[in-house]
Protein backbone atom coordinates (compact mmCIF):
# COMPACT_ATOMS: atom_id res chain seq x y z
CA UNK A 1 -16.31 -54.60 25.35
CA UNK A 2 -17.47 -57.35 23.00
CA UNK A 3 -18.48 -56.45 19.48
CA UNK A 4 -22.13 -56.98 18.68
CA UNK A 5 -22.55 -58.78 15.36
CA UNK A 6 -24.80 -57.15 12.81
CA UNK A 7 -27.51 -59.62 11.87
CA UNK A 8 -28.66 -60.06 8.28
CA UNK A 9 -26.21 -57.69 6.57
CA UNK A 10 -27.12 -58.91 3.08
CA UNK A 11 -30.81 -58.14 3.56
CA UNK A 12 -29.95 -54.71 4.98
CA UNK A 13 -27.58 -54.03 2.07
CA UNK A 14 -30.27 -55.02 -0.41
CA UNK A 15 -32.70 -52.60 1.21
CA UNK A 16 -30.08 -49.86 1.06
CA UNK A 17 -29.29 -50.23 -2.61
CA UNK A 18 -32.73 -51.12 -4.00
CA UNK A 19 -34.71 -48.33 -5.65
CA UNK A 20 -37.63 -46.83 -3.78
CA UNK A 21 -40.74 -48.96 -3.94
CA UNK A 22 -41.33 -52.68 -4.29
CA UNK A 23 -38.00 -54.37 -3.74
CA UNK A 24 -36.84 -51.91 -1.08
CA UNK A 25 -40.06 -52.22 0.91
CA UNK A 26 -39.96 -56.01 0.72
CA UNK A 27 -36.31 -56.01 1.83
CA UNK A 28 -36.98 -53.65 4.75
CA UNK A 29 -39.96 -55.67 5.92
CA UNK A 30 -38.02 -58.91 5.49
CA UNK A 31 -35.18 -57.47 7.56
CA UNK A 32 -37.56 -56.63 10.39
CA UNK A 33 -39.28 -60.02 10.25
CA UNK A 34 -35.95 -61.87 10.21
CA UNK A 35 -34.73 -59.93 13.25
CA UNK A 36 -37.90 -60.80 15.15
CA UNK A 37 -37.76 -64.46 14.11
CA UNK A 38 -34.11 -64.70 15.16
CA UNK A 39 -35.11 -63.69 18.67
CA UNK A 40 -37.50 -66.66 18.88
CA UNK A 41 -34.47 -68.93 19.33
CA UNK A 42 -34.32 -70.12 22.95
CA UNK A 43 -30.66 -69.10 23.26
CA UNK A 44 -31.66 -65.48 22.74
CA UNK A 45 -33.44 -65.55 26.10
CA UNK A 46 -36.31 -63.24 25.19
CA UNK A 47 -39.52 -63.97 27.05
CA UNK A 48 -42.58 -64.91 25.01
CA UNK A 49 -44.44 -61.90 26.37
CA UNK A 50 -41.74 -59.53 25.14
CA UNK A 51 -41.71 -61.19 21.73
CA UNK A 52 -45.52 -60.94 21.57
CA UNK A 53 -45.42 -57.21 22.36
CA UNK A 54 -42.79 -56.66 19.68
CA UNK A 55 -44.91 -58.61 17.19
CA UNK A 56 -47.90 -56.33 17.83
CA UNK A 57 -45.77 -53.25 17.17
CA UNK A 58 -44.23 -54.82 14.05
CA UNK A 59 -47.69 -55.60 12.67
CA UNK A 60 -48.61 -51.93 13.08
CA UNK A 61 -45.45 -50.83 11.26
CA UNK A 62 -46.01 -53.38 8.50
CA UNK A 63 -49.48 -51.96 7.86
CA UNK A 64 -47.82 -48.76 6.62
CA UNK A 65 -45.84 -50.60 3.92
CA UNK A 66 -46.92 -51.12 0.33
CA UNK A 67 -46.28 -54.80 -0.27
CA UNK A 68 -47.52 -57.55 -2.60
CA UNK A 69 -50.38 -59.40 -0.91
CA UNK A 70 -48.66 -62.80 -0.79
CA UNK A 71 -45.48 -61.28 0.67
CA UNK A 72 -47.46 -59.29 3.26
CA UNK A 73 -49.28 -62.45 4.34
CA UNK A 74 -46.08 -64.41 4.84
CA UNK A 75 -44.39 -61.48 6.61
CA UNK A 76 -47.30 -61.36 9.03
CA UNK A 77 -46.91 -65.09 9.60
CA UNK A 78 -43.23 -64.63 10.44
CA UNK A 79 -44.02 -61.75 12.78
CA UNK A 80 -46.73 -63.77 14.55
CA UNK A 81 -44.51 -66.86 14.73
CA UNK A 82 -41.74 -64.81 16.34
CA UNK A 83 -43.87 -64.75 19.49
CA UNK A 84 -44.11 -68.56 19.44
CA UNK A 85 -41.50 -71.29 19.66
CA UNK A 86 -38.53 -71.42 17.28
CA UNK A 87 -39.85 -74.26 15.03
CA UNK A 88 -42.95 -72.19 14.18
CA UNK A 89 -40.71 -69.26 13.30
CA UNK A 90 -38.52 -71.53 11.13
CA UNK A 91 -41.53 -72.72 9.16
CA UNK A 92 -42.78 -69.16 8.68
CA UNK A 93 -39.33 -67.99 7.51
CA UNK A 94 -39.33 -70.75 4.89
CA UNK A 95 -42.72 -69.54 3.70
CA UNK A 96 -41.40 -66.00 3.45
CA UNK A 97 -38.40 -67.20 1.51
CA UNK A 98 -40.68 -68.80 -1.06
CA UNK A 99 -43.05 -65.83 -1.30
CA UNK A 100 -40.37 -63.13 -1.50
CA UNK A 101 -37.79 -65.00 -3.59
CA UNK A 102 -38.23 -62.81 -6.66
CA UNK A 103 -37.51 -59.68 -4.57
CA UNK A 104 -34.41 -61.01 -2.80
CA UNK A 105 -30.87 -61.51 -4.03
CA UNK A 106 -28.88 -64.71 -3.52
CA UNK A 107 -27.12 -63.54 -0.35
CA UNK A 108 -30.40 -62.43 1.24
CA UNK A 109 -31.99 -65.78 0.46
CA UNK A 110 -29.00 -67.53 2.00
CA UNK A 111 -29.41 -65.51 5.20
CA UNK A 112 -33.06 -66.54 5.44
CA UNK A 113 -32.19 -70.19 4.77
CA UNK A 114 -29.57 -70.11 7.52
CA UNK A 115 -32.04 -68.47 9.88
CA UNK A 116 -34.58 -71.23 9.28
CA UNK A 117 -31.94 -73.90 9.91
CA UNK A 118 -30.79 -72.18 13.11
CA UNK A 119 -34.36 -71.95 14.38
CA UNK A 120 -34.87 -75.67 13.78
CA UNK A 121 -32.00 -76.57 16.12
């Protein structure tokens, strides 16, 4: 049986070690948004309808989080873009990277940068 790679380990690790509140909530929400955006890549083979349904559920979950307004807005953009084509998701991930930069560590930022590059291909 093939091993399934764990996506975005740096973002998950940041969420695990951050104190309760701001940074942890941003990291958790970023992890979710990154996972959804990753699945917008055509090689993932997820149908647009499935991605759209997941986006609706993610929006509901995100509404329960306490997040800075600018970060929430860009997270919602990533979630919505995950139901679209990969280039839209790449652009939204770059927006999230800019908005959430002060909450993320270097390795987490690198994961988001690599995600945006992968979605552009």
